[in-house]
N, C-alpha and C. Protein backbone atom coordinates (compact mmCIF):
# COMPACT_ATOMS: atom_id res chain seq x y z
N UNK A 1 172.68 130.88 87.62
CA UNK A 1 174.03 130.90 87.87
C UNK A 1 174.19 131.15 89.31
N UNK A 2 175.22 130.35 89.83
CA UNK A 2 175.37 130.27 91.36
C UNK A 2 176.55 131.23 91.60
N UNK A 3 176.38 131.97 92.63
CA UNK A 3 177.55 132.92 93.12
C UNK A 3 178.17 132.40 94.33
N UNK A 4 179.42 132.92 94.66
CA UNK A 4 180.09 132.47 95.76
C UNK A 4 179.72 133.29 96.88
N UNK A 5 178.90 132.63 97.84
CA UNK A 5 178.35 133.36 99.01
C UNK A 5 179.47 134.02 99.93
N UNK A 6 180.56 133.34 100.08
CA UNK A 6 181.62 133.86 100.93
C UNK A 6 182.09 135.11 100.41
N UNK A 7 182.48 135.15 99.09
CA UNK A 7 183.01 136.33 98.46
C UNK A 7 181.90 137.49 98.45
N UNK A 8 180.78 137.05 98.14
CA UNK A 8 179.61 138.10 98.11
C UNK A 8 179.36 138.68 99.43
N UNK A 9 179.41 137.77 100.57
CA UNK A 9 179.16 138.27 101.84
C UNK A 9 180.29 139.17 102.36
N UNK A 10 181.56 138.80 102.07
CA UNK A 10 182.67 139.66 102.40
C UNK A 10 182.55 141.02 101.73
N UNK A 11 182.25 141.05 100.50
CA UNK A 11 182.10 142.38 99.82
C UNK A 11 180.93 143.19 100.32
N UNK A 12 179.78 142.51 100.66
CA UNK A 12 178.65 143.24 101.32
C UNK A 12 178.97 143.72 102.65
N UNK A 13 179.86 143.06 103.41
CA UNK A 13 180.36 143.45 104.84
C UNK A 13 181.16 144.74 104.59
N UNK A 14 182.13 144.75 103.65
CA UNK A 14 183.06 145.81 103.44
C UNK A 14 182.26 147.04 103.09
N UNK A 15 181.36 146.73 102.23
CA UNK A 15 180.47 147.94 101.81
C UNK A 15 179.61 148.45 102.97
N UNK A 16 179.15 147.72 103.86
CA UNK A 16 178.41 147.96 105.01
C UNK A 16 179.27 148.87 105.97
N UNK A 17 180.53 148.50 106.11
CA UNK A 17 181.45 149.22 107.00
C UNK A 17 181.60 150.63 106.34
N UNK A 18 181.97 150.63 105.01
CA UNK A 18 182.18 151.83 104.33
C UNK A 18 180.90 152.88 104.50
N UNK A 19 179.69 152.27 104.24
CA UNK A 19 178.51 153.06 104.30
C UNK A 19 178.14 153.52 105.68
N UNK A 20 178.54 152.71 106.71
CA UNK A 20 178.40 153.08 108.05
C UNK A 20 179.17 154.24 108.46
N UNK A 21 180.48 154.22 107.91
CA UNK A 21 181.38 155.37 108.25
C UNK A 21 180.84 156.60 107.51
N UNK A 22 180.44 156.41 106.31
CA UNK A 22 179.92 157.51 105.52
C UNK A 22 178.70 158.20 106.23
N UNK A 23 177.77 157.37 106.75
CA UNK A 23 176.64 157.85 107.44
C UNK A 23 177.04 158.56 108.73
N UNK A 24 178.01 157.98 109.53
CA UNK A 24 178.28 158.50 110.72
C UNK A 24 179.16 159.81 110.60
N UNK A 25 179.86 160.01 109.50
CA UNK A 25 180.77 161.22 109.34
C UNK A 25 180.10 162.23 108.42
N UNK A 26 179.78 161.80 107.25
CA UNK A 26 179.25 162.70 106.18
C UNK A 26 177.77 163.11 106.26
N UNK A 27 176.96 162.08 106.83
CA UNK A 27 175.55 162.41 106.81
C UNK A 27 174.93 162.96 108.14
N UNK A 28 175.75 162.73 109.28
CA UNK A 28 175.22 163.03 110.54
C UNK A 28 174.74 164.43 110.63
N UNK A 29 175.52 165.40 109.90
CA UNK A 29 175.09 166.82 110.10
C UNK A 29 174.18 167.20 108.94
N UNK A 30 173.82 166.27 108.11
CA UNK A 30 172.95 166.71 106.84
C UNK A 30 171.68 166.08 106.79
N UNK A 31 171.52 164.96 107.60
CA UNK A 31 170.17 164.37 107.70
C UNK A 31 169.47 164.45 109.11
N UNK A 32 168.23 164.58 109.18
CA UNK A 32 167.58 164.72 110.38
C UNK A 32 167.69 163.33 111.14
N UNK A 33 167.53 163.38 112.41
CA UNK A 33 167.80 162.01 113.21
C UNK A 33 166.98 160.88 112.75
N UNK A 34 165.77 160.97 112.28
CA UNK A 34 164.92 159.99 111.84
C UNK A 34 165.47 159.35 110.57
N UNK A 35 165.88 160.26 109.66
CA UNK A 35 166.45 159.67 108.41
C UNK A 35 167.87 159.07 108.50
N UNK A 36 168.59 159.54 109.54
CA UNK A 36 169.93 158.97 109.84
C UNK A 36 169.66 157.56 110.56
N UNK A 37 168.69 157.46 111.33
CA UNK A 37 168.35 156.20 111.97
C UNK A 37 167.97 155.20 110.85
N UNK A 38 167.21 155.56 109.90
CA UNK A 38 166.80 154.69 108.74
C UNK A 38 168.10 154.29 108.02
N UNK A 39 168.95 155.16 107.78
CA UNK A 39 170.29 154.84 107.06
C UNK A 39 170.97 153.78 107.87
N UNK A 40 171.10 154.05 109.22
CA UNK A 40 171.92 153.16 109.99
C UNK A 40 171.20 151.75 110.11
N UNK A 41 169.84 151.73 110.00
CA UNK A 41 169.25 150.42 110.09
C UNK A 41 169.45 149.61 108.82
N UNK A 42 169.54 150.41 107.67
CA UNK A 42 170.02 149.71 106.44
C UNK A 42 171.37 149.20 106.60
N UNK A 43 172.30 149.88 107.03
CA UNK A 43 173.68 149.39 107.35
C UNK A 43 173.65 148.10 108.16
N UNK A 44 173.02 148.13 109.29
CA UNK A 44 172.95 147.13 110.26
C UNK A 44 172.34 145.82 109.60
N UNK A 45 171.29 145.91 108.90
CA UNK A 45 170.80 144.66 108.22
C UNK A 45 171.58 144.26 107.15
N UNK A 46 172.19 145.11 106.41
CA UNK A 46 173.22 144.65 105.33
C UNK A 46 174.26 143.95 106.07
N UNK A 47 174.81 144.30 107.13
CA UNK A 47 175.87 143.57 107.75
C UNK A 47 175.34 142.18 108.22
N UNK A 48 174.15 142.14 108.80
CA UNK A 48 173.57 140.84 109.21
C UNK A 48 173.47 139.88 108.05
N UNK A 49 173.03 140.41 106.92
CA UNK A 49 172.94 139.61 105.64
C UNK A 49 174.31 139.11 105.22
N UNK A 50 175.40 140.04 105.30
CA UNK A 50 176.72 139.80 104.86
C UNK A 50 177.28 138.62 105.75
N UNK A 51 177.05 138.71 107.08
CA UNK A 51 177.63 137.75 107.92
C UNK A 51 176.94 136.48 107.58
N UNK A 52 175.70 136.44 107.51
CA UNK A 52 175.04 135.19 107.13
C UNK A 52 175.47 134.59 105.84
N UNK A 53 175.71 135.41 104.89
CA UNK A 53 176.17 134.91 103.62
C UNK A 53 177.61 134.25 103.73
N UNK A 54 178.39 134.86 104.50
CA UNK A 54 179.73 134.30 104.80
C UNK A 54 179.71 133.02 105.55
N UNK A 55 178.80 132.89 106.38
CA UNK A 55 178.65 131.62 107.02
C UNK A 55 178.14 130.60 106.14
N UNK A 56 177.10 130.88 105.37
CA UNK A 56 176.53 129.93 104.40
C UNK A 56 177.56 129.53 103.31
N UNK A 57 178.55 130.37 103.10
CA UNK A 57 179.50 130.10 102.16
C UNK A 57 180.44 129.00 102.58
N UNK A 58 180.42 128.59 103.75
CA UNK A 58 181.20 127.45 104.26
C UNK A 58 180.40 126.19 104.25
N UNK A 59 179.03 126.28 103.86
CA UNK A 59 178.20 125.03 103.95
C UNK A 59 177.84 124.65 102.55
N UNK A 60 178.26 123.56 101.95
CA UNK A 60 178.10 123.17 100.74
C UNK A 60 176.64 122.92 100.35
N UNK A 61 175.92 122.63 101.25
CA UNK A 61 174.40 122.29 101.00
C UNK A 61 173.56 123.52 101.01
N UNK A 62 174.07 124.58 101.18
CA UNK A 62 173.25 125.90 101.09
C UNK A 62 173.31 126.46 99.78
N UNK A 63 172.25 126.03 99.04
CA UNK A 63 172.09 126.51 97.67
C UNK A 63 170.94 127.54 97.34
N UNK A 64 170.04 127.49 98.22
CA UNK A 64 168.81 128.35 98.08
C UNK A 64 168.86 129.68 98.94
N UNK A 65 169.24 129.57 99.98
CA UNK A 65 169.25 130.76 100.97
C UNK A 65 170.06 131.96 100.54
N UNK A 66 171.35 131.76 99.97
CA UNK A 66 172.02 132.92 99.70
C UNK A 66 171.52 133.90 98.64
N UNK A 67 170.84 133.48 97.62
CA UNK A 67 170.24 134.30 96.66
C UNK A 67 169.10 135.22 97.44
N UNK A 68 168.37 134.50 98.23
CA UNK A 68 167.29 135.30 99.02
C UNK A 68 167.93 136.36 99.89
N UNK A 69 169.02 135.91 100.62
CA UNK A 69 169.59 136.89 101.51
C UNK A 69 170.25 138.09 100.70
N UNK A 70 170.90 137.79 99.67
CA UNK A 70 171.52 138.86 98.80
C UNK A 70 170.38 139.81 98.37
N UNK A 71 169.30 139.22 97.71
CA UNK A 71 168.27 140.03 97.17
C UNK A 71 167.53 140.90 98.28
N UNK A 72 167.41 140.20 99.40
CA UNK A 72 166.64 140.81 100.58
C UNK A 72 167.59 142.17 101.12
N UNK A 73 168.83 141.84 101.19
CA UNK A 73 169.69 142.91 101.68
C UNK A 73 169.73 143.96 100.55
N UNK A 74 169.77 143.81 99.35
CA UNK A 74 169.84 144.78 98.33
C UNK A 74 168.48 145.59 98.45
N UNK A 75 167.42 144.98 98.48
CA UNK A 75 166.04 145.59 98.53
C UNK A 75 165.81 146.43 99.78
N UNK A 76 166.19 145.73 100.85
CA UNK A 76 165.80 146.21 102.24
C UNK A 76 166.73 147.50 102.50
N UNK A 77 168.03 147.17 102.52
CA UNK A 77 168.97 148.21 102.74
C UNK A 77 169.04 149.28 101.75
N UNK A 78 168.98 148.79 100.41
CA UNK A 78 168.94 149.83 99.37
C UNK A 78 167.82 150.81 99.39
N UNK A 79 166.59 150.32 99.77
CA UNK A 79 165.41 151.23 99.73
C UNK A 79 165.69 152.25 101.05
N UNK A 80 166.24 151.73 101.98
CA UNK A 80 166.39 152.65 103.28
C UNK A 80 167.46 153.62 102.83
N UNK A 81 168.53 153.35 102.24
CA UNK A 81 169.56 154.27 101.85
C UNK A 81 168.95 155.35 100.98
N UNK A 82 168.19 154.94 99.95
CA UNK A 82 167.65 155.91 98.91
C UNK A 82 166.55 156.75 99.67
N UNK A 83 165.86 156.14 100.55
CA UNK A 83 164.78 156.96 101.34
C UNK A 83 165.48 158.00 102.17
N UNK A 84 166.48 157.60 102.71
CA UNK A 84 167.32 158.53 103.77
C UNK A 84 167.85 159.64 102.97
N UNK A 85 168.35 159.33 101.80
CA UNK A 85 169.21 160.27 100.93
C UNK A 85 168.29 161.24 100.08
N UNK A 86 167.14 160.67 99.73
CA UNK A 86 166.14 161.41 98.85
C UNK A 86 165.01 162.02 99.58
N UNK A 87 164.55 161.38 100.66
CA UNK A 87 163.41 161.79 101.33
C UNK A 87 162.16 161.33 100.71
N UNK A 88 162.16 160.53 99.59
CA UNK A 88 161.08 160.04 98.86
C UNK A 88 160.44 158.93 99.69
N UNK A 89 159.33 159.34 100.37
CA UNK A 89 158.61 158.37 101.33
C UNK A 89 158.14 157.05 100.71
N UNK A 90 157.80 157.22 99.38
CA UNK A 90 157.33 156.09 98.74
C UNK A 90 158.28 154.80 98.71
N UNK A 91 159.56 155.09 98.81
CA UNK A 91 160.61 154.14 98.93
C UNK A 91 160.41 153.18 99.97
N UNK A 92 159.75 153.81 101.06
CA UNK A 92 159.49 152.94 102.31
C UNK A 92 158.57 151.88 102.02
N UNK A 93 157.85 151.87 100.96
CA UNK A 93 156.84 150.64 100.69
C UNK A 93 157.62 149.56 100.12
N UNK A 94 158.72 149.69 99.63
CA UNK A 94 159.67 148.69 98.98
C UNK A 94 160.41 147.88 100.13
N UNK A 95 160.70 148.58 101.28
CA UNK A 95 161.46 148.08 102.31
C UNK A 95 161.04 146.64 102.76
N UNK A 96 159.65 146.57 103.08
CA UNK A 96 159.20 145.25 103.71
C UNK A 96 159.32 144.04 102.62
N UNK A 97 159.40 144.31 101.43
CA UNK A 97 159.67 143.26 100.43
C UNK A 97 161.13 142.73 100.66
N UNK A 98 162.02 143.44 100.91
CA UNK A 98 163.31 143.12 101.22
C UNK A 98 163.37 142.39 102.56
N UNK A 99 162.62 142.82 103.44
CA UNK A 99 162.55 142.20 104.82
C UNK A 99 162.07 140.76 104.71
N UNK A 100 160.94 140.58 103.92
CA UNK A 100 160.43 139.21 103.72
C UNK A 100 161.49 138.24 102.91
N UNK A 101 162.30 138.91 101.97
CA UNK A 101 163.22 138.06 101.40
C UNK A 101 164.29 137.64 102.32
N UNK A 102 164.68 138.50 103.24
CA UNK A 102 165.68 138.16 104.28
C UNK A 102 165.13 137.10 105.11
N UNK A 103 163.87 137.17 105.63
CA UNK A 103 163.36 136.14 106.36
C UNK A 103 163.25 134.72 105.64
N UNK A 104 162.79 134.86 104.41
CA UNK A 104 162.75 133.59 103.64
C UNK A 104 164.13 132.94 103.55
N UNK A 105 165.08 133.80 103.30
CA UNK A 105 166.57 133.29 103.19
C UNK A 105 166.99 132.68 104.46
N UNK A 106 166.72 133.25 105.52
CA UNK A 106 167.03 132.67 106.82
C UNK A 106 166.41 131.25 107.18
N UNK A 107 165.09 131.29 106.77
CA UNK A 107 164.38 130.10 107.03
C UNK A 107 164.83 128.93 106.04
N UNK A 108 165.09 129.26 104.80
CA UNK A 108 165.74 128.37 104.00
C UNK A 108 167.08 127.77 104.40
N UNK A 109 167.86 128.70 105.01
CA UNK A 109 169.14 128.25 105.58
C UNK A 109 168.87 127.27 106.70
N UNK A 110 167.91 127.44 107.48
CA UNK A 110 167.55 126.59 108.60
C UNK A 110 167.09 125.29 108.07
N UNK A 111 166.29 125.30 107.08
CA UNK A 111 165.77 124.01 106.49
C UNK A 111 166.90 123.22 105.72
N UNK A 112 167.70 123.91 105.07
CA UNK A 112 168.65 123.23 104.41
C UNK A 112 169.86 122.76 105.30
N UNK A 113 169.99 123.38 106.43
CA UNK A 113 171.03 122.91 107.40
C UNK A 113 170.58 121.62 108.04
N UNK A 114 169.21 121.45 108.05
CA UNK A 114 168.71 120.14 108.53
C UNK A 114 169.01 118.95 107.59
N UNK A 115 169.41 119.26 106.46
CA UNK A 115 169.61 118.20 105.42
C UNK A 115 171.03 117.98 105.33
N UNK A 116 171.90 118.69 105.95
CA UNK A 116 173.34 118.50 105.87
C UNK A 116 173.76 117.31 106.68
């Protein structure tokens, strides 16, 4: 099933803004600086993936990259959010998987752009 990358990216971006505000206001006094930095890294990379998805949504030939970018953002950022909020260090082992998926998505976007 193919999803609409533009819509998905816009939703992911809106969620990143909301989570960023939540982190800056509600979590600033509750998390230690290291965990807050992890949360902020999750927000930042979620926004990068969201912007990439919105751009890819304007390119008809981009059929492979969006799924990798979305999966990568969910795993990378999601694991950082959970790590920050729960303190469960084992969740940090999942984060690199999301990072690899983000990289694969960007590489596929570049390769598919060469075919357009």
